[in-house]
Protein backbone atom coordinates (compact mmCIF):
# COMPACT_ATOMS: atom_id res chain seq x y z
CA UNK A 1 117.11 103.61 148.49
CA UNK A 2 114.60 106.82 148.21
CA UNK A 3 110.79 105.96 147.54
CA UNK A 4 109.53 107.25 144.21
CA UNK A 5 106.01 107.67 142.71
CA UNK A 6 104.62 104.96 140.23
CA UNK A 7 105.52 107.14 136.95
CA UNK A 8 109.25 107.27 138.41
CA UNK A 9 109.35 103.96 139.19
CA UNK A 10 109.46 103.13 135.28
CA UNK A 11 113.21 104.55 135.51
CA UNK A 12 114.98 103.15 138.07
CA UNK A 13 116.86 101.05 135.89
CA UNK A 14 118.41 104.10 134.78
CA UNK A 15 120.08 104.13 138.36
CA UNK A 16 121.25 100.24 137.80
CA UNK A 17 122.89 101.55 134.34
CA UNK A 18 124.71 104.27 136.10
CA UNK A 19 122.87 106.77 133.76
CA UNK A 20 121.60 108.98 136.74
CA UNK A 21 121.92 109.16 140.19
CA UNK A 22 119.19 108.53 142.84
CA UNK A 23 118.97 112.46 143.58
CA UNK A 24 119.08 112.98 140.19
CA UNK A 25 116.06 111.28 139.80
CA UNK A 26 114.54 112.77 143.00
CA UNK A 27 115.11 116.06 141.49
CA UNK A 28 113.79 115.47 138.42
CA UNK A 29 110.77 114.00 139.86
CA UNK A 30 110.18 117.03 141.81
CA UNK A 31 110.54 119.26 138.54
CA UNK A 32 108.14 117.38 136.47
CA UNK A 33 105.48 117.56 139.67
CA UNK A 34 106.05 121.30 140.09
CA UNK A 35 105.57 121.94 136.33
CA UNK A 36 102.81 119.57 135.64
CA UNK A 37 104.63 117.97 133.03
CA UNK A 38 105.85 114.07 132.42
CA UNK A 39 109.30 113.23 134.17
CA UNK A 40 110.44 112.10 130.80
CA UNK A 41 110.32 115.49 129.07
CA UNK A 42 112.44 116.64 132.43
CA UNK A 43 114.88 113.66 132.00
CA UNK A 44 115.69 114.22 128.34
CA UNK A 45 115.77 118.23 128.11
CA UNK A 46 117.49 118.96 131.56
CA UNK A 47 119.14 116.00 132.56
CA UNK A 48 120.50 115.14 128.98
CA UNK A 49 119.11 111.70 129.06
CA UNK A 50 119.15 109.91 125.48
CA UNK A 51 115.52 109.21 123.86
CA UNK A 52 116.86 106.17 123.24
CA UNK A 53 118.14 105.24 126.88
CA UNK A 54 114.56 106.33 128.17
CA UNK A 55 112.52 104.09 125.67
CA UNK A 56 114.73 100.90 126.56
CA UNK A 57 114.20 101.58 130.50
CA UNK A 58 110.48 101.53 129.71
CA UNK A 59 110.73 98.30 127.24
CA UNK A 60 112.42 96.48 130.22
CA UNK A 61 109.75 97.79 132.89
CA UNK A 62 106.79 96.89 130.78
CA UNK A 63 108.21 93.81 128.88
CA UNK A 64 107.47 94.97 125.36
CA UNK A 65 108.94 96.75 122.69
CA UNK A 66 109.31 100.44 122.19
CA UNK A 67 108.23 102.88 119.40
CA UNK A 68 109.66 106.22 118.42
CA UNK A 69 107.64 109.01 116.68
CA UNK A 70 108.45 108.63 112.53
CA UNK A 71 106.57 110.80 110.29
CA UNK A 72 107.44 108.16 107.40
CA UNK A 73 105.61 105.27 109.12
CA UNK A 74 102.72 104.28 106.50
CA UNK A 75 100.02 103.98 108.94
CA UNK A 76 97.03 102.41 107.09
CA UNK A 77 94.14 104.95 106.75
CA UNK A 78 91.83 102.31 107.88
CA UNK A 79 93.25 102.51 111.53
CA UNK A 80 92.72 106.43 111.47
CA UNK A 81 88.50 106.03 110.71
CA UNK A 82 86.51 107.20 113.65
CA UNK A 83 89.33 108.30 116.02
CA UNK A 84 88.79 111.14 118.22
CA UNK A 85 92.08 112.93 118.30
CA UNK A 86 91.06 114.83 122.16
CA UNK A 87 89.89 111.27 123.66
CA UNK A 88 93.46 109.83 122.20
CA UNK A 89 95.42 112.78 123.90
CA UNK A 90 93.80 112.05 127.08
CA UNK A 91 94.41 108.04 127.19
CA UNK A 92 97.77 108.72 125.83
CA UNK A 93 97.93 105.94 122.79
CA UNK A 94 97.52 105.43 118.98
CA UNK A 95 97.36 102.53 116.34
CA UNK A 96 100.49 102.55 114.44
CA UNK A 97 100.69 99.19 112.26
CA UNK A 98 98.56 96.27 111.30
CA UNK A 99 99.99 92.90 110.78
CA UNK A 100 97.24 90.55 109.16
CA UNK A 101 95.11 90.19 112.11
CA UNK A 102 96.97 92.00 114.75
CA UNK A 103 96.95 95.87 115.15
CA UNK A 104 99.87 97.21 116.95
CA UNK A 105 99.08 99.98 119.90
CA UNK A 106 101.66 102.87 120.84
CA UNK A 107 100.75 103.50 124.30
CA UNK A 108 102.10 105.93 127.20
CA UNK A 109 101.04 102.61 129.60
CA UNK A 110 100.40 99.36 127.65
CA UNK A 111 99.28 97.84 130.95
CA UNK A 112 96.45 100.08 131.53
CA UNK A 113 93.16 98.45 131.60
CA UNK A 114 91.05 101.50 130.48
CA UNK A 115 93.22 101.99 127.29
CA UNK A 116 92.69 98.31 126.67
CA UNK A 117 88.92 98.60 126.99
CA UNK A 118 89.09 101.73 124.69
CA UNK A 119 91.20 100.06 121.65
CA UNK A 120 88.56 97.65 121.45
CA UNK A 121 86.03 100.13 121.28
CA UNK A 122 87.65 101.86 118.58
CA UNK A 123 89.81 99.78 116.49
CA UNK A 124 88.51 96.21 115.21
CA UNK A 125 91.29 93.06 115.32
CA UNK A 126 91.22 89.77 116.18
CA UNK A 127 94.83 90.43 118.28
CA UNK A 128 96.18 93.04 119.95
CA UNK A 129 99.76 94.26 120.82
CA UNK A 130 100.72 97.13 122.94
CA UNK A 131 104.07 98.79 122.61
CA UNK A 132 105.73 101.38 125.00
CA UNK A 133 105.82 105.01 123.60
CA UNK A 134 107.01 108.30 125.22
CA UNK A 135 103.95 110.83 125.68
CA UNK A 136 105.47 113.44 123.54
CA UNK A 137 105.47 110.63 120.79
CA UNK A 138 102.05 109.67 121.16
CA UNK A 139 101.26 113.19 120.69
CA UNK A 140 103.28 114.07 117.64
CA UNK A 141 101.13 110.53 116.52
CA UNK A 142 97.76 112.46 116.59
CA UNK A 143 98.85 115.58 115.00
CA UNK A 144 100.31 114.78 112.44
CA UNK A 145 97.90 111.84 111.29
CA UNK A 146 94.98 113.30 112.69
CA UNK A 147 94.93 116.47 111.25
CA UNK A 148 93.04 115.59 107.98
CA UNK A 149 90.59 113.04 106.96
CA UNK A 150 92.40 109.52 106.67
CA UNK A 151 93.63 109.02 102.98
CA UNK A 152 93.92 112.93 102.65
CA UNK A 153 96.94 113.44 104.85
CA UNK A 154 99.23 116.11 103.08
CA UNK A 155 102.55 116.88 105.10
CA UNK A 156 103.28 113.41 106.18
CA UNK A 157 102.71 112.04 102.98
CA UNK A 158 105.03 114.40 100.99
CA UNK A 159 107.83 114.21 103.75
CA UNK A 160 107.21 109.89 103.20
CA UNK A 161 107.39 110.49 99.46
CA UNK A 162 110.83 113.03 100.22
CA UNK A 163 112.48 110.20 102.10
CA UNK A 164 111.87 107.58 99.16
CA UNK A 165 113.18 110.08 96.55
CA UNK A 166 116.14 110.29 98.43
CA UNK A 167 116.19 106.86 98.59
CA UNK A 168 116.41 106.20 95.35
CA UNK A 169 119.01 108.98 94.38
CA UNK A 170 121.25 107.58 96.69
CA UNK A 171 120.78 103.94 94.72
CA UNK A 172 121.06 105.89 91.37
CA UNK A 173 124.56 107.17 92.60
CA UNK A 174 125.60 103.87 94.20
CA UNK A 175 124.94 102.42 90.47
CA UNK A 176 127.04 105.64 88.82
CA UNK A 177 129.94 104.48 90.99
CA UNK A 178 129.50 101.38 89.52
CA UNK A 179 129.91 102.20 85.90
CA UNK A 180 132.68 104.31 86.90
CA UNK A 181 134.42 101.11 87.98
CA UNK A 182 133.08 99.32 85.01
CA UNK A 183 134.81 102.32 82.56
CA UNK A 184 138.24 101.82 84.64
CA UNK A 185 138.15 98.13 83.85
CA UNK A 186 137.67 98.93 80.28
CA UNK A 187 140.06 101.30 80.42
CA UNK A 188 142.54 98.63 81.87
CA UNK A 189 141.55 96.15 79.05
CA UNK A 190 142.57 98.76 76.67
CA UNK A 191 146.15 98.73 78.36
CA UNK A 192 145.98 95.08 78.09
CA UNK A 193 144.85 94.99 74.80
CA UNK A 194 148.37 97.32 73.79
CA UNK A 195 150.36 95.05 75.84
CA UNK A 196 149.38 91.71 74.01
CA UNK A 197 149.53 93.81 70.67
CA UNK A 198 153.36 94.54 71.46
CA UNK A 199 153.82 91.38 72.34
CA UNK A 200 152.10 89.82 68.90
CA UNK A 201 153.98 92.47 66.67
CA UNK A 202 157.20 91.83 68.15
CA UNK A 203 156.99 87.92 67.92
CA UNK A 204 155.88 88.34 64.29
CA UNK A 205 158.73 90.77 63.65
CA UNK A 206 161.34 88.34 64.96
CA UNK A 207 160.04 85.44 63.12
CA UNK A 208 160.00 87.38 59.87
CA UNK A 209 163.13 89.64 60.03
CA UNK A 210 166.66 88.22 60.37
CA UNK A 211 168.41 88.98 63.79
CA UNK A 212 170.89 91.79 62.93
CA UNK A 213 171.24 95.15 64.55
CA UNK A 214 167.28 95.81 65.09
CA UNK A 215 167.15 92.53 67.51
CA UNK A 216 167.24 94.46 70.65
CA UNK A 217 164.31 96.69 69.35
CA UNK A 218 161.97 93.54 68.89
CA UNK A 219 162.80 92.10 72.64
CA UNK A 220 162.03 96.01 73.99
CA UNK A 221 159.02 95.67 71.96
CA UNK A 222 158.32 92.32 73.48
CA UNK A 223 159.18 93.65 77.21
CA UNK A 224 156.77 96.88 76.58
CA UNK A 225 153.98 94.48 76.03
CA UNK A 226 154.58 92.56 79.15
CA UNK A 227 155.01 95.91 80.99
CA UNK A 228 151.70 97.28 79.64
CA UNK A 229 149.93 93.65 80.01
CA UNK A 230 150.95 93.30 83.67
CA UNK A 231 149.84 97.07 84.39
CA UNK A 232 146.23 96.37 82.58
CA UNK A 233 145.75 93.20 84.16
CA UNK A 234 146.76 94.39 87.61
CA UNK A 235 144.38 97.54 87.36
CA UNK A 236 141.33 95.47 86.15
CA UNK A 237 142.00 92.77 89.03
CA UNK A 238 142.16 95.62 91.72
CA UNK A 239 138.76 97.17 90.48
CA UNK A 240 137.19 93.51 90.26
CA UNK A 241 138.19 92.89 94.09
CA UNK A 242 137.59 96.28 95.59
CA UNK A 243 134.85 97.52 97.78
CA UNK A 244 132.94 99.17 94.71
CA UNK A 245 133.33 96.25 92.90
CA UNK A 246 129.75 96.00 90.76
CA UNK A 247 127.55 93.08 92.17
CA UNK A 248 126.08 90.43 90.65
CA UNK A 249 122.86 91.04 87.92
CA UNK A 250 120.25 89.38 90.33
CA UNK A 251 121.38 91.87 93.32
CA UNK A 252 121.18 95.31 91.13
CA UNK A 253 117.50 93.91 90.50
CA UNK A 254 116.51 93.28 93.77
CA UNK A 255 117.85 96.54 95.28
CA UNK A 256 116.40 98.57 92.42
CA UNK A 257 112.84 96.64 93.08
CA UNK A 258 113.43 97.53 96.99
CA UNK A 259 113.50 101.01 96.27
CA UNK A 260 110.40 101.21 94.56
CA UNK A 261 108.26 100.42 97.56
CA UNK A 262 106.91 103.91 98.19
CA UNK A 263 104.36 102.77 95.28
CA UNK A 264 102.74 100.48 98.22
CA UNK A 265 102.49 102.80 100.78
CA UNK A 266 101.92 106.79 99.62
CA UNK A 267 100.70 105.96 96.14
CA UNK A 268 96.85 105.82 96.33
CA UNK A 269 95.75 105.99 92.59
CA UNK A 270 93.71 103.53 91.05
CA UNK A 271 94.65 101.14 88.55
CA UNK A 272 94.62 102.95 84.73
CA UNK A 273 93.06 99.91 83.41
CA UNK A 274 95.95 99.38 80.85
CA UNK A 275 96.55 95.59 80.39
CA UNK A 276 100.19 95.53 79.81
CA UNK A 277 102.14 91.84 78.45
CA UNK A 278 103.74 90.09 80.83
CA UNK A 279 107.45 90.05 80.46
CA UNK A 280 109.86 87.61 81.64
CA UNK A 281 112.45 89.50 83.59
CA UNK A 282 112.12 91.01 87.16
CA UNK A 283 113.62 94.41 85.86
CA UNK A 284 111.04 94.65 82.88
CA UNK A 285 108.27 94.11 85.15
CA UNK A 286 109.19 96.73 87.37
CA UNK A 287 109.21 99.00 84.45
CA UNK A 288 106.33 98.02 83.00
CA UNK A 289 104.37 98.36 86.37
CA UNK A 290 105.45 102.11 86.58
CA UNK A 291 103.12 102.58 83.69
CA UNK A 292 99.97 102.02 85.42
CA UNK A 293 100.73 104.85 87.86
CA UNK A 294 99.93 108.03 86.15
CA UNK A 295 98.80 111.07 88.14
CA UNK A 296 95.39 112.86 87.95
CA UNK A 297 95.71 116.10 89.09
CA UNK A 298 92.69 118.00 90.41
CA UNK A 299 92.26 121.78 90.94
CA UNK A 300 91.60 122.43 94.66
CA UNK A 301 92.91 122.46 97.33
CA UNK A 302 96.42 123.60 96.45
CA UNK A 303 97.90 121.59 99.05
CA UNK A 304 96.51 118.48 97.46
CA UNK A 305 97.65 119.22 93.98
CA UNK A 306 101.41 119.70 95.46
CA UNK A 307 101.15 116.28 97.01
CA UNK A 308 99.84 114.43 93.47
CA UNK A 309 103.09 116.65 92.03
CA UNK A 310 105.19 114.96 94.82
CA UNK A 311 103.51 111.56 93.79
CA UNK A 312 104.38 112.13 89.85
CA UNK A 313 108.01 113.34 91.03
CA UNK A 314 108.38 109.95 92.57
CA UNK A 315 107.16 107.80 89.89
CA UNK A 316 109.67 109.79 87.39
CA UNK A 317 112.26 109.12 89.92
CA UNK A 318 111.22 105.40 89.99
CA UNK A 319 111.79 105.41 85.98
CA UNK A 320 115.34 106.81 86.30
CA UNK A 321 116.20 104.27 88.70
CA UNK A 322 114.92 101.36 86.63
CA UNK A 323 117.02 103.30 83.63
CA UNK A 324 120.28 103.57 85.82
CA UNK A 325 119.67 99.97 86.53
CA UNK A 326 119.64 99.21 82.95
CA UNK A 327 122.83 101.28 82.36
CA UNK A 328 124.53 99.70 84.86
CA UNK A 329 123.55 96.20 83.51
CA UNK A 330 124.71 97.17 80.47
CA UNK A 331 127.87 98.46 81.12
CA UNK A 332 128.63 95.02 82.53
CA UNK A 333 127.48 93.67 78.97
CA UNK A 334 129.69 96.20 77.32
CA UNK A 335 132.81 95.21 79.51
CA UNK A 336 132.00 91.69 78.81
CA UNK A 337 131.66 92.10 75.05
CA UNK A 338 134.90 94.02 74.88
CA UNK A 339 136.69 91.24 76.89
CA UNK A 340 134.97 88.57 74.74
CA UNK A 341 136.12 90.70 71.56
CA UNK A 342 139.87 91.10 72.70
CA UNK A 343 140.29 87.56 73.75
CA UNK A 344 139.06 86.18 70.14
CA UNK A 345 141.44 88.48 68.62
CA UNK A 346 144.13 87.15 70.32
CA UNK A 347 143.56 83.50 70.58
CA UNK A 348 143.54 83.74 66.69
CA UNK A 349 146.66 85.62 66.36
CA UNK A 350 148.22 83.37 68.60
CA UNK A 351 146.81 79.81 66.70
CA UNK A 352 147.81 82.06 63.59
CA UNK A 353 151.28 82.07 64.39
CA UNK A 354 151.73 78.78 65.41
CA UNK A 355 149.82 77.27 62.58
CA UNK A 356 152.06 79.57 60.04
CA UNK A 357 155.73 79.52 61.48
CA UNK A 358 155.18 75.91 63.45
CA UNK A 359 156.79 75.54 66.65
CA UNK A 360 160.03 77.19 67.88
CA UNK A 361 161.12 78.85 70.82
CA UNK A 362 158.83 81.58 70.44
CA UNK A 363 155.92 79.31 70.74
CA UNK A 364 155.86 80.27 74.21
CA UNK A 365 154.75 83.48 73.35
CA UNK A 366 152.12 82.60 70.69
CA UNK A 367 151.06 79.88 73.39
CA UNK A 368 150.76 83.16 75.85
CA UNK A 369 148.29 84.85 73.49
CA UNK A 370 146.12 82.03 73.08
CA UNK A 371 145.48 81.46 76.72
CA UNK A 372 145.76 84.85 77.67
CA UNK A 373 142.39 85.14 75.05
CA UNK A 374 140.89 82.24 76.05
CA UNK A 375 140.72 83.52 79.46
CA UNK A 376 139.36 87.11 78.59
CA UNK A 377 137.00 84.95 76.69
CA UNK A 378 135.40 82.91 79.74
CA UNK A 379 135.48 85.97 82.09
CA UNK A 380 133.78 88.18 79.30
CA UNK A 381 130.46 85.44 79.13
CA UNK A 382 130.42 85.32 82.62
CA UNK A 383 130.02 89.33 82.23
CA UNK A 384 127.76 89.49 79.42
CA UNK A 385 125.41 86.23 79.70
CA UNK A 386 123.40 87.74 82.63
CA UNK A 387 122.02 90.52 80.69
CA UNK A 388 121.26 88.92 77.55
CA UNK A 389 117.97 87.74 78.35
CA UNK A 390 117.66 91.91 79.41
CA UNK A 391 117.79 92.98 75.65
CA UNK A 392 114.33 91.64 74.48
CA UNK A 393 112.46 93.20 77.59
CA UNK A 394 113.39 96.46 78.21
CA UNK A 395 110.12 98.47 79.30
CA UNK A 396 108.19 101.13 77.53
CA UNK A 397 108.62 104.74 78.99
CA UNK A 398 105.16 106.12 79.57
CA UNK A 399 106.93 109.59 79.60
CA UNK A 400 107.56 109.53 75.96
CA UNK A 401 104.23 108.15 75.04
């Protein structure tokens, strides 16, 4: 095997993985030296090696995790205070995460003792973790997160806010799909009601009219009722078992809460001091939590004003997301109430027919109405009861106040 310099040795594992040959790696090394650039750039741009493959190779070489540049990364402002961008560019390291007493540092050479000493000089922490990163990614971190004073970052903050607006929009779209499924379920329930209604009418006519020339019409109505009932029930069961069937009540609330995490990372506005009474349900508390995140607009600079407006758009999007979650939950409640209402109606009809006409061969159809009604009542209660608590907990909307 050819001899390579220290920088190139980090990528020898690529030969074992079959990504490159020895001649290709030697050619990349020669090109990098001739142009005075990092070999990683040559491997990515001229040899088509995926960035993730290079990072995995470096991770195996240094036996540490790797990190990619991400402009949405919520780097704590206290880690950026007092940092010199020129010094970081020369040393090739950048702080990215604070986890309690541990600070994670992205470095092009996690084992360099000079980087360790420099980190301890600029970053105060009990423990340090060094992760590998490509030199180009570290430069992007430096350029994007140190172009303004900590807490006054503009471009990267708006990018993060835009990312969370997209996240909330995706979730609201999914909630709309859930509501469409619930509407389809209520439509199938209406077909089922028509079917049971035909069964009840034909059953009554058979008992009150003499069997004559119209006898076949009564059985035709009975058969039509069964066909409609089976059609409505099969449509409902298909929706309930499908991939897009609505999840449980608590799942809807938990995912909605997860889409509001941008408030912790990007919304650096002091609390307004408005005391909002604590409510019982999680969704109501989320709605009231947004009331304390109003935006104060400053006249200059204009770029900072745009950032405040971006924050305001995110808060408004969060309010729409909470409202969409409420609409979806109430759509579940409407479906449950429709089941309960229909179940009580047909159970009452079946009991009334048995009580009025006593037992006979047609009592079989009366029992069918009673059993169907009881199943609907049970299913409706399962849909409705989780939403019952939310009805008295609707949060106030700060936009309309």
